[in-house]
Amino acid sequence: MLIKVGACIRRILGSELLEAAAHWPVCEIAPESWDPDEEADVAALKSLGRTSEILLHSLSLNVLGDSHPDFVVARARAWSDILDINLVTDRKSTR
């Protein structure tokens, strides 16, 4: 079984984390915290994708329960297309 461990990269954590993440084999990206219409965000994540495998992991879907807000789904789809990713993970809330 192949196990991959990644750290979640959020835009708000800044460029220092992106620079460190460029040395990690796998990075989880929270798609709703990055703007696919923002050129700087697209450039940053494409650059990261050249050195690390990027996984999309949603933060909002589980926080809001079983609902799938249009905003989060739209962001996940947009980043999937931009970064050529075909898997988005999320964790089920255990309330």
PDB file of N, CA and C in Angstrom:
ATOM      1  N   MET A   1       0.842  -1.178   0.000  1.00  0.00           N
ATOM      2  CA  MET A   1       0.000   0.000   0.000  1.00  0.00           C
ATOM      3  C   MET A   1       0.884   1.237   0.000  1.00  0.00           C
ATOM      4  N   LEU A   2       0.552   2.171  -0.869  1.00  0.00           N
ATOM      5  CA  LEU A   2       1.282   3.429  -0.948  1.00  0.00           C
ATOM      6  C   LEU A   2       0.636   4.433   0.000  1.00  0.00           C
ATOM      7  N   ILE A   3       1.416   5.002   0.879  1.00  0.00           N
ATOM      8  CA  ILE A   3       0.919   6.005   1.821  1.00  0.00           C
ATOM      9  C   ILE A   3       1.639   7.311   1.536  1.00  0.00           C
ATOM     10  N   LYS A   4       0.868   8.373   1.396  1.00  0.00           N
ATOM     11  CA  LYS A   4       1.447   9.691   1.161  1.00  0.00           C
ATOM     12  C   LYS A   4       1.058  10.597   2.317  1.00  0.00           C
ATOM     13  N   VAL A   5       2.002  11.359   2.787  1.00  0.00           N
ATOM     14  CA  VAL A   5       1.755  12.287   3.878  1.00  0.00           C
ATOM     15  C   VAL A   5       2.033  13.686   3.358  1.00  0.00           C
ATOM     16  N   GLY A   6       1.103  14.584   3.582  1.00  0.00           N
ATOM     17  CA  GLY A   6       1.286  15.945   3.107  1.00  0.00           C
ATOM     18  C   GLY A   6       0.925  16.951   4.174  1.00  0.00           C
ATOM     19  N   ALA A   7       1.294  18.160   3.939  1.00  0.00           N
ATOM     20  CA  ALA A   7       0.921  19.253   4.824  1.00  0.00           C
ATOM     21  C   ALA A   7      -0.019  20.162   4.060  1.00  0.00           C
ATOM     22  N   CYS A   8      -0.961  20.741   4.763  1.00  0.00           N
ATOM     23  CA  CYS A   8      -1.962  21.587   4.110  1.00  0.00           C
ATOM     24  C   CYS A   8      -1.406  22.991   3.901  1.00  0.00           C
ATOM     25  N   ILE A   9      -1.462  23.439   2.669  1.00  0.00           N
ATOM     26  CA  ILE A   9      -0.947  24.754   2.304  1.00  0.00           C
ATOM     27  C   ILE A   9      -2.128  25.695   2.096  1.00  0.00           C
ATOM     28  N   ARG A  10      -2.210  26.692   2.952  1.00  0.00           N
ATOM     29  CA  ARG A  10      -3.250  27.704   2.811  1.00  0.00           C
ATOM     30  C   ARG A  10      -2.605  29.023   2.420  1.00  0.00           C
ATOM     31  N   ARG A  11      -3.294  29.743   1.581  1.00  0.00           N
ATOM     32  CA  ARG A  11      -2.790  31.019   1.070  1.00  0.00           C
ATOM     33  C   ARG A  11      -2.409  31.968   2.202  1.00  0.00           C
ATOM     34  N   ILE A  12      -3.210  32.004   3.237  1.00  0.00           N
ATOM     35  CA  ILE A  12      -3.004  32.954   4.327  1.00  0.00           C
ATOM     36  C   ILE A  12      -1.679  32.728   5.056  1.00  0.00           C
ATOM     37  N   LEU A  13      -1.100  31.527   4.928  1.00  0.00           N
ATOM     38  CA  LEU A  13       0.143  31.224   5.634  1.00  0.00           C
ATOM     39  C   LEU A  13       1.374  31.804   4.945  1.00  0.00           C
ATOM     40  N   GLY A  14       1.206  32.307   3.745  1.00  0.00           N
ATOM     41  CA  GLY A  14       2.236  33.107   3.108  1.00  0.00           C
ATOM     42  C   GLY A  14       3.288  32.393   2.288  1.00  0.00           C
ATOM     43  N   SER A  15       4.152  33.217   1.718  1.00  0.00           N
ATOM     44  CA  SER A  15       5.165  32.732   0.781  1.00  0.00           C
ATOM     45  C   SER A  15       6.236  31.889   1.452  1.00  0.00           C
ATOM     46  N   GLU A  16       6.527  32.128   2.732  1.00  0.00           N
ATOM     47  CA  GLU A  16       7.550  31.335   3.416  1.00  0.00           C
ATOM     48  C   GLU A  16       7.160  29.863   3.453  1.00  0.00           C
ATOM     49  N   LEU A  17       5.884  29.594   3.697  1.00  0.00           N
ATOM     50  CA  LEU A  17       5.426  28.208   3.708  1.00  0.00           C
ATOM     51  C   LEU A  17       5.490  27.607   2.309  1.00  0.00           C
ATOM     52  N   LEU A  18       5.142  28.383   1.298  1.00  0.00           N
ATOM     53  CA  LEU A  18       5.243  27.899  -0.085  1.00  0.00           C
ATOM     54  C   LEU A  18       6.686  27.540  -0.447  1.00  0.00           C
ATOM     55  N   GLU A  19       7.622  28.358  -0.010  1.00  0.00           N
ATOM     56  CA  GLU A  19       9.027  28.072  -0.288  1.00  0.00           C
ATOM     57  C   GLU A  19       9.466  26.787   0.408  1.00  0.00           C
ATOM     58  N   ALA A  20       9.054  26.589   1.647  1.00  0.00           N
ATOM     59  CA  ALA A  20       9.392  25.357   2.363  1.00  0.00           C
ATOM     60  C   ALA A  20       8.715  24.163   1.701  1.00  0.00           C
ATOM     61  N   ALA A  21       7.465  24.335   1.295  1.00  0.00           N
ATOM     62  CA  ALA A  21       6.693  23.241   0.706  1.00  0.00           C
ATOM     63  C   ALA A  21       7.286  22.767  -0.614  1.00  0.00           C
ATOM     64  N   ALA A  22       8.016  23.609  -1.283  1.00  0.00           N
ATOM     65  CA  ALA A  22       8.627  23.224  -2.557  1.00  0.00           C
ATOM     66  C   ALA A  22       9.617  22.072  -2.390  1.00  0.00           C
ATOM     67  N   HIS A  23      10.016  21.792  -1.157  1.00  0.00           N
ATOM     68  CA  HIS A  23      10.955  20.702  -0.876  1.00  0.00           C
ATOM     69  C   HIS A  23      10.250  19.443  -0.371  1.00  0.00           C
ATOM     70  N   TRP A  24       8.937  19.492  -0.247  1.00  0.00           N
ATOM     71  CA  TRP A  24       8.175  18.346   0.237  1.00  0.00           C
ATOM     72  C   TRP A  24       7.693  17.522  -0.957  1.00  0.00           C
ATOM     73  N   PRO A  25       7.617  16.220  -0.823  1.00  0.00           N
ATOM     74  CA  PRO A  25       7.162  15.408  -1.951  1.00  0.00           C
ATOM     75  C   PRO A  25       5.665  15.558  -2.242  1.00  0.00           C
ATOM     76  N   VAL A  26       4.872  15.858  -1.211  1.00  0.00           N
ATOM     77  CA  VAL A  26       3.424  15.957  -1.366  1.00  0.00           C
ATOM     78  C   VAL A  26       2.920  17.159  -0.590  1.00  0.00           C
ATOM     79  N   CYS A  27       2.017  17.928  -1.190  1.00  0.00           N
ATOM     80  CA  CYS A  27       1.394  19.068  -0.517  1.00  0.00           C
ATOM     81  C   CYS A  27      -0.110  18.996  -0.705  1.00  0.00           C
ATOM     82  N   GLU A  28      -0.837  19.202   0.374  1.00  0.00           N
ATOM     83  CA  GLU A  28      -2.293  19.311   0.275  1.00  0.00           C
ATOM     84  C   GLU A  28      -2.644  20.786   0.133  1.00  0.00           C
ATOM     85  N   ILE A  29      -3.491  21.075  -0.808  1.00  0.00           N
ATOM     86  CA  ILE A  29      -3.932  22.446  -1.028  1.00  0.00           C
ATOM     87  C   ILE A  29      -5.411  22.532  -0.673  1.00  0.00           C
ATOM     88  N   ALA A  30      -5.758  23.521   0.134  1.00  0.00           N
ATOM     89  CA  ALA A  30      -7.161  23.784   0.437  1.00  0.00           C
ATOM     90  C   ALA A  30      -7.702  24.649  -0.703  1.00  0.00           C
ATOM     91  N   PRO A  31      -8.474  24.064  -1.631  1.00  0.00           N
ATOM     92  CA  PRO A  31      -8.849  24.798  -2.839  1.00  0.00           C
ATOM     93  C   PRO A  31      -9.641  26.065  -2.578  1.00  0.00           C
ATOM     94  N   GLU A  32     -10.415  26.085  -1.499  1.00  0.00           N
ATOM     95  CA  GLU A  32     -11.228  27.278  -1.253  1.00  0.00           C
ATOM     96  C   GLU A  32     -10.418  28.434  -0.692  1.00  0.00           C
ATOM     97  N   SER A  33      -9.172  28.212  -0.277  1.00  0.00           N
ATOM     98  CA  SER A  33      -8.379  29.314   0.258  1.00  0.00           C
ATOM     99  C   SER A  33      -7.461  29.946  -0.791  1.00  0.00           C
ATOM    100  N   TRP A  34      -7.539  29.483  -2.031  1.00  0.00           N
ATOM    101  CA  TRP A  34      -6.770  30.046  -3.141  1.00  0.00           C
ATOM    102  C   TRP A  34      -7.742  30.464  -4.236  1.00  0.00           C
ATOM    103  N   ASP A  35      -7.446  31.562  -4.917  1.00  0.00           N
ATOM    104  CA  ASP A  35      -8.354  32.103  -5.931  1.00  0.00           C
ATOM    105  C   ASP A  35      -7.874  31.706  -7.333  1.00  0.00           C
ATOM    106  N   PRO A  36      -8.625  30.849  -8.028  1.00  0.00           N
ATOM    107  CA  PRO A  36      -8.207  30.427  -9.360  1.00  0.00           C
ATOM    108  C   PRO A  36      -8.267  31.546 -10.401  1.00  0.00           C
ATOM    109  N   ASP A  37      -8.877  32.666 -10.056  1.00  0.00           N
ATOM    110  CA  ASP A  37      -8.925  33.821 -10.954  1.00  0.00           C
ATOM    111  C   ASP A  37      -7.807  34.818 -10.663  1.00  0.00           C
ATOM    112  N   GLU A  38      -7.000  34.540  -9.653  1.00  0.00           N
ATOM    113  CA  GLU A  38      -5.901  35.421  -9.266  1.00  0.00           C
ATOM    114  C   GLU A  38      -4.603  34.884  -9.864  1.00  0.00           C
ATOM    115  N   GLU A  39      -3.997  35.669 -10.749  1.00  0.00           N
ATOM    116  CA  GLU A  39      -2.792  35.221 -11.461  1.00  0.00           C
ATOM    117  C   GLU A  39      -1.674  34.806 -10.513  1.00  0.00           C
ATOM    118  N   ALA A  40      -1.505  35.535  -9.419  1.00  0.00           N
ATOM    119  CA  ALA A  40      -0.427  35.213  -8.477  1.00  0.00           C
ATOM    120  C   ALA A  40      -0.676  33.859  -7.813  1.00  0.00           C
ATOM    121  N   ASP A  41      -1.927  33.555  -7.492  1.00  0.00           N
ATOM    122  CA  ASP A  41      -2.247  32.260  -6.889  1.00  0.00           C
ATOM    123  C   ASP A  41      -1.993  31.128  -7.881  1.00  0.00           C
ATOM    124  N   VAL A  42      -2.421  31.316  -9.119  1.00  0.00           N
ATOM    125  CA  VAL A  42      -2.212  30.293 -10.141  1.00  0.00           C
ATOM    126  C   VAL A  42      -0.718  30.061 -10.343  1.00  0.00           C
ATOM    127  N   ALA A  43       0.053  31.130 -10.437  1.00  0.00           N
ATOM    128  CA  ALA A  43       1.497  31.005 -10.632  1.00  0.00           C
ATOM    129  C   ALA A  43       2.149  30.289  -9.447  1.00  0.00           C
ATOM    130  N   ALA A  44       1.733  30.630  -8.236  1.00  0.00           N
ATOM    131  CA  ALA A  44       2.320  30.014  -7.039  1.00  0.00           C
ATOM    132  C   ALA A  44       2.057  28.515  -7.004  1.00  0.00           C
ATOM    133  N   LEU A  45       0.824  28.114  -7.271  1.00  0.00           N
ATOM    134  CA  LEU A  45       0.501  26.690  -7.187  1.00  0.00           C
ATOM    135  C   LEU A  45       1.060  25.900  -8.369  1.00  0.00           C
ATOM    136  N   LYS A  46       1.121  26.510  -9.534  1.00  0.00           N
ATOM    137  CA  LYS A  46       1.760  25.822 -10.666  1.00  0.00           C
ATOM    138  C   LYS A  46       3.250  25.626 -10.388  1.00  0.00           C
ATOM    139  N   SER A  47       3.873  26.617  -9.808  1.00  0.00           N
ATOM    140  CA  SER A  47       5.291  26.501  -9.453  1.00  0.00           C
ATOM    141  C   SER A  47       5.484  25.394  -8.422  1.00  0.00           C
ATOM    142  N   LEU A  48       4.645  25.360  -7.416  1.00  0.00           N
ATOM    143  CA  LEU A  48       4.721  24.313  -6.398  1.00  0.00           C
ATOM    144  C   LEU A  48       4.514  22.937  -7.023  1.00  0.00           C
ATOM    145  N   GLY A  49       3.618  22.853  -8.004  1.00  0.00           N
ATOM    146  CA  GLY A  49       3.337  21.592  -8.672  1.00  0.00           C
ATOM    147  C   GLY A  49       4.505  21.049  -9.479  1.00  0.00           C
ATOM    148  N   ARG A  50       5.467  21.897  -9.790  1.00  0.00           N
ATOM    149  CA  ARG A  50       6.651  21.426 -10.521  1.00  0.00           C
ATOM    150  C   ARG A  50       7.622  20.681  -9.610  1.00  0.00           C
ATOM    151  N   THR A  51       7.529  20.896  -8.298  1.00  0.00           N
ATOM    152  CA  THR A  51       8.465  20.244  -7.374  1.00  0.00           C
ATOM    153  C   THR A  51       7.787  19.280  -6.411  1.00  0.00           C
ATOM    154  N   SER A  52       6.491  19.395  -6.240  1.00  0.00           N
ATOM    155  CA  SER A  52       5.747  18.563  -5.293  1.00  0.00           C
ATOM    156  C   SER A  52       4.467  18.056  -5.940  1.00  0.00           C
ATOM    157  N   GLU A  53       4.025  16.898  -5.505  1.00  0.00           N
ATOM    158  CA  GLU A  53       2.713  16.422  -5.941  1.00  0.00           C
ATOM    159  C   GLU A  53       1.665  17.183  -5.140  1.00  0.00           C
ATOM    160  N   ILE A  54       0.683  17.728  -5.820  1.00  0.00           N
ATOM    161  CA  ILE A  54      -0.354  18.503  -5.151  1.00  0.00           C
ATOM    162  C   ILE A  54      -1.626  17.671  -5.054  1.00  0.00           C
ATOM    163  N   LEU A  55      -2.178  17.640  -3.846  1.00  0.00           N
ATOM    164  CA  LEU A  55      -3.472  17.019  -3.592  1.00  0.00           C
ATOM    165  C   LEU A  55      -4.416  18.120  -3.154  1.00  0.00           C
ATOM    166  N   LEU A  56      -5.664  18.041  -3.586  1.00  0.00           N
ATOM    167  CA  LEU A  56      -6.676  18.993  -3.120  1.00  0.00           C
ATOM    168  C   LEU A  56      -7.413  18.383  -1.946  1.00  0.00           C
ATOM    169  N   HIS A  57      -7.480  19.127  -0.864  1.00  0.00           N
ATOM    170  CA  HIS A  57      -8.210  18.661   0.318  1.00  0.00           C
ATOM    171  C   HIS A  57      -9.062  19.807   0.824  1.00  0.00           C
ATOM    172  N   SER A  58     -10.363  19.643   0.745  1.00  0.00           N
ATOM    173  CA  SER A  58     -11.274  20.710   1.125  1.00  0.00           C
ATOM    174  C   SER A  58     -11.332  20.875   2.639  1.00  0.00           C
ATOM    175  N   LEU A  59     -11.427  22.114   3.059  1.00  0.00           N
ATOM    176  CA  LEU A  59     -11.608  22.411   4.480  1.00  0.00           C
ATOM    177  C   LEU A  59     -13.069  22.679   4.803  1.00  0.00           C
ATOM    178  N   SER A  60     -13.807  23.228   3.869  1.00  0.00           N
ATOM    179  CA  SER A  60     -15.159  23.692   4.162  1.00  0.00           C
ATOM    180  C   SER A  60     -16.231  22.625   4.083  1.00  0.00           C
ATOM    181  N   LEU A  61     -16.056  21.638   3.231  1.00  0.00           N
ATOM    182  CA  LEU A  61     -17.145  20.681   3.057  1.00  0.00           C
ATOM    183  C   LEU A  61     -17.464  19.949   4.347  1.00  0.00           C
ATOM    184  N   ASN A  62     -16.441  19.520   5.093  1.00  0.00           N
ATOM    185  CA  ASN A  62     -16.731  18.801   6.320  1.00  0.00           C
ATOM    186  C   ASN A  62     -17.167  19.735   7.440  1.00  0.00           C
ATOM    187  N   VAL A  63     -16.690  20.960   7.437  1.00  0.00           N
ATOM    188  CA  VAL A  63     -17.081  21.910   8.477  1.00  0.00           C
ATOM    189  C   VAL A  63     -18.576  22.214   8.397  1.00  0.00           C
ATOM    190  N   LEU A  64     -19.102  22.237   7.192  1.00  0.00           N
ATOM    191  CA  LEU A  64     -20.508  22.561   6.994  1.00  0.00           C
ATOM    192  C   LEU A  64     -21.400  21.319   6.966  1.00  0.00           C
ATOM    193  N   GLY A  65     -20.880  20.187   7.354  1.00  0.00           N
ATOM    194  CA  GLY A  65     -21.680  18.969   7.373  1.00  0.00           C
ATOM    195  C   GLY A  65     -21.770  18.345   6.007  1.00  0.00           C
ATOM    196  N   ASP A  66     -22.935  17.821   5.665  1.00  0.00           N
ATOM    197  CA  ASP A  66     -23.098  17.099   4.411  1.00  0.00           C
ATOM    198  C   ASP A  66     -23.374  17.992   3.216  1.00  0.00           C
ATOM    199  N   SER A  67     -23.489  19.279   3.428  1.00  0.00           N
ATOM    200  CA  SER A  67     -23.773  20.173   2.303  1.00  0.00           C
ATOM    201  C   SER A  67     -22.512  20.375   1.465  1.00  0.00           C
ATOM    202  N   HIS A  68     -22.704  20.733   0.222  1.00  0.00           N
ATOM    203  CA  HIS A  68     -21.600  21.021  -0.687  1.00  0.00           C
ATOM    204  C   HIS A  68     -21.811  22.404  -1.272  1.00  0.00           C
ATOM    205  N   PRO A  69     -21.366  23.434  -0.579  1.00  0.00           N
ATOM    206  CA  PRO A  69     -21.596  24.807  -1.045  1.00  0.00           C
ATOM    207  C   PRO A  69     -21.038  25.004  -2.452  1.00  0.00           C
ATOM    208  N   ASP A  70     -21.797  25.701  -3.252  1.00  0.00           N
ATOM    209  CA  ASP A  70     -21.393  25.952  -4.639  1.00  0.00           C
ATOM    210  C   ASP A  70     -20.006  26.573  -4.737  1.00  0.00           C
ATOM    211  N   PHE A  71     -19.694  27.481  -3.827  1.00  0.00           N
ATOM    212  CA  PHE A  71     -18.390  28.159  -3.853  1.00  0.00           C
ATOM    213  C   PHE A  71     -17.247  27.155  -3.733  1.00  0.00           C
ATOM    214  N   VAL A  72     -17.355  26.246  -2.775  1.00  0.00           N
ATOM    215  CA  VAL A  72     -16.282  25.279  -2.531  1.00  0.00           C
ATOM    216  C   VAL A  72     -16.154  24.326  -3.712  1.00  0.00           C
ATOM    217  N   VAL A  73     -17.271  23.848  -4.205  1.00  0.00           N
ATOM    218  CA  VAL A  73     -17.245  22.925  -5.339  1.00  0.00           C
ATOM    219  C   VAL A  73     -16.667  23.612  -6.569  1.00  0.00           C
ATOM    220  N   ALA A  74     -17.043  24.855  -6.803  1.00  0.00           N
ATOM    221  CA  ALA A  74     -16.522  25.596  -7.956  1.00  0.00           C
ATOM    222  C   ALA A  74     -15.011  25.778  -7.848  1.00  0.00           C
ATOM    223  N   ARG A  75     -14.526  26.101  -6.660  1.00  0.00           N
ATOM    224  CA  ARG A  75     -13.082  26.268  -6.466  1.00  0.00           C
ATOM    225  C   ARG A  75     -12.349  24.944  -6.679  1.00  0.00           C
ATOM    226  N   ALA A  76     -12.873  23.865  -6.142  1.00  0.00           N
ATOM    227  CA  ALA A  76     -12.232  22.556  -6.308  1.00  0.00           C
ATOM    228  C   ALA A  76     -12.178  22.168  -7.785  1.00  0.00           C
ATOM    229  N   ARG A  77     -13.257  22.417  -8.497  1.00  0.00           N
ATOM    230  CA  ARG A  77     -13.271  22.105  -9.935  1.00  0.00           C
ATOM    231  C   ARG A  77     -12.273  22.963 -10.701  1.00  0.00           C
ATOM    232  N   ALA A  78     -12.240  24.244 -10.393  1.00  0.00           N
ATOM    233  CA  ALA A  78     -11.333  25.147 -11.091  1.00  0.00           C
ATOM    234  C   ALA A  78      -9.875  24.731 -10.873  1.00  0.00           C
ATOM    235  N   TRP A  79      -9.503  24.464  -9.626  1.00  0.00           N
ATOM    236  CA  TRP A  79      -8.128  24.067  -9.353  1.00  0.00           C
ATOM    237  C   TRP A  79      -7.816  22.695  -9.931  1.00  0.00           C
ATOM    238  N   SER A  80      -8.781  21.811  -9.952  1.00  0.00           N
ATOM    239  CA  SER A  80      -8.563  20.497 -10.569  1.00  0.00           C
ATOM    240  C   SER A  80      -8.187  20.656 -12.031  1.00  0.00           C
ATOM    241  N   ASP A  81      -8.874  21.559 -12.713  1.00  0.00           N
ATOM    242  CA  ASP A  81      -8.579  21.813 -14.125  1.00  0.00           C
ATOM    243  C   ASP A  81      -7.223  22.495 -14.297  1.00  0.00           C
ATOM    244  N   ILE A  82      -6.969  23.526 -13.512  1.00  0.00           N
ATOM    245  CA  ILE A  82      -5.729  24.299 -13.639  1.00  0.00           C
ATOM    246  C   ILE A  82      -4.508  23.436 -13.347  1.00  0.00           C
ATOM    247  N   LEU A  83      -4.593  22.607 -12.313  1.00  0.00           N
ATOM    248  CA  LEU A  83      -3.436  21.827 -11.870  1.00  0.00           C
ATOM    249  C   LEU A  83      -3.467  20.387 -12.363  1.00  0.00           C
ATOM    250  N   ASP A  84      -4.467  20.057 -13.174  1.00  0.00           N
ATOM    251  CA  ASP A  84      -4.612  18.705 -13.723  1.00  0.00           C
ATOM    252  C   ASP A  84      -4.665  17.650 -12.610  1.00  0.00           C
ATOM    253  N   ILE A  85      -5.570  17.869 -11.674  1.00  0.00           N
ATOM    254  CA  ILE A  85      -5.757  16.977 -10.525  1.00  0.00           C
ATOM    255  C   ILE A  85      -7.112  16.295 -10.676  1.00  0.00           C
ATOM    256  N   ASN A  86      -7.157  14.990 -10.445  1.00  0.00           N
ATOM    257  CA  ASN A  86      -8.429  14.285 -10.611  1.00  0.00           C
ATOM    258  C   ASN A  86      -8.956  13.681  -9.314  1.00  0.00           C
ATOM    259  N   LEU A  87      -8.464  14.146  -8.160  1.00  0.00           N
ATOM    260  CA  LEU A  87      -8.939  13.631  -6.886  1.00  0.00           C
ATOM    261  C   LEU A  87      -9.007  14.758  -5.876  1.00  0.00           C
ATOM    262  N   VAL A  88     -10.135  14.891  -5.212  1.00  0.00           N
ATOM    263  CA  VAL A  88     -10.295  15.860  -4.128  1.00  0.00           C
ATOM    264  C   VAL A  88     -10.716  15.068  -2.901  1.00  0.00           C
ATOM    265  N   THR A  89     -10.012  15.251  -1.801  1.00  0.00           N
ATOM    266  CA  THR A  89     -10.339  14.507  -0.575  1.00  0.00           C
ATOM    267  C   THR A  89     -11.018  15.437   0.424  1.00  0.00           C
ATOM    268  N   ASP A  90     -11.699  14.833   1.344  1.00  0.00           N
ATOM    269  CA  ASP A  90     -12.370  15.545   2.411  1.00  0.00           C
ATOM    270  C   ASP A  90     -12.555  14.534   3.530  1.00  0.00           C
ATOM    271  N   ARG A  91     -12.744  14.991   4.718  1.00  0.00           N
ATOM    272  CA  ARG A  91     -13.020  14.046   5.789  1.00  0.00           C
ATOM    273  C   ARG A  91     -14.430  14.247   6.290  1.00  0.00           C
ATOM    274  N   LYS A  92     -15.045  13.166   6.644  1.00  0.00           N
ATOM    275  CA  LYS A  92     -16.433  13.178   7.108  1.00  0.00           C
ATOM    276  C   LYS A  92     -16.465  13.629   8.556  1.00  0.00           C
ATOM    277  N   SER A  93     -17.329  14.551   8.849  1.00  0.00           N
ATOM    278  CA  SER A  93     -17.514  15.002  10.212  1.00  0.00           C
ATOM    279  C   SER A  93     -18.134  13.864  11.027  1.00  0.00           C
ATOM    280  N   THR A  94     -17.719  13.745  12.281  1.00  0.00           N
ATOM    281  CA  THR A  94     -18.223  12.638  13.128  1.00  0.00           C
ATOM    282  C   THR A  94     -19.074  13.167  14.254  1.00  0.00           C
ATOM    283  N   ARG A  95     -20.020  14.004  13.933  1.00  0.00           N
ATOM    284  CA  ARG A  95     -20.899  14.567  14.971  1.00  0.00           C
ATOM    285  C   ARG A  95     -21.921  13.582  15.399  1.00  0.00           C
TER     286      ARG A  95
END
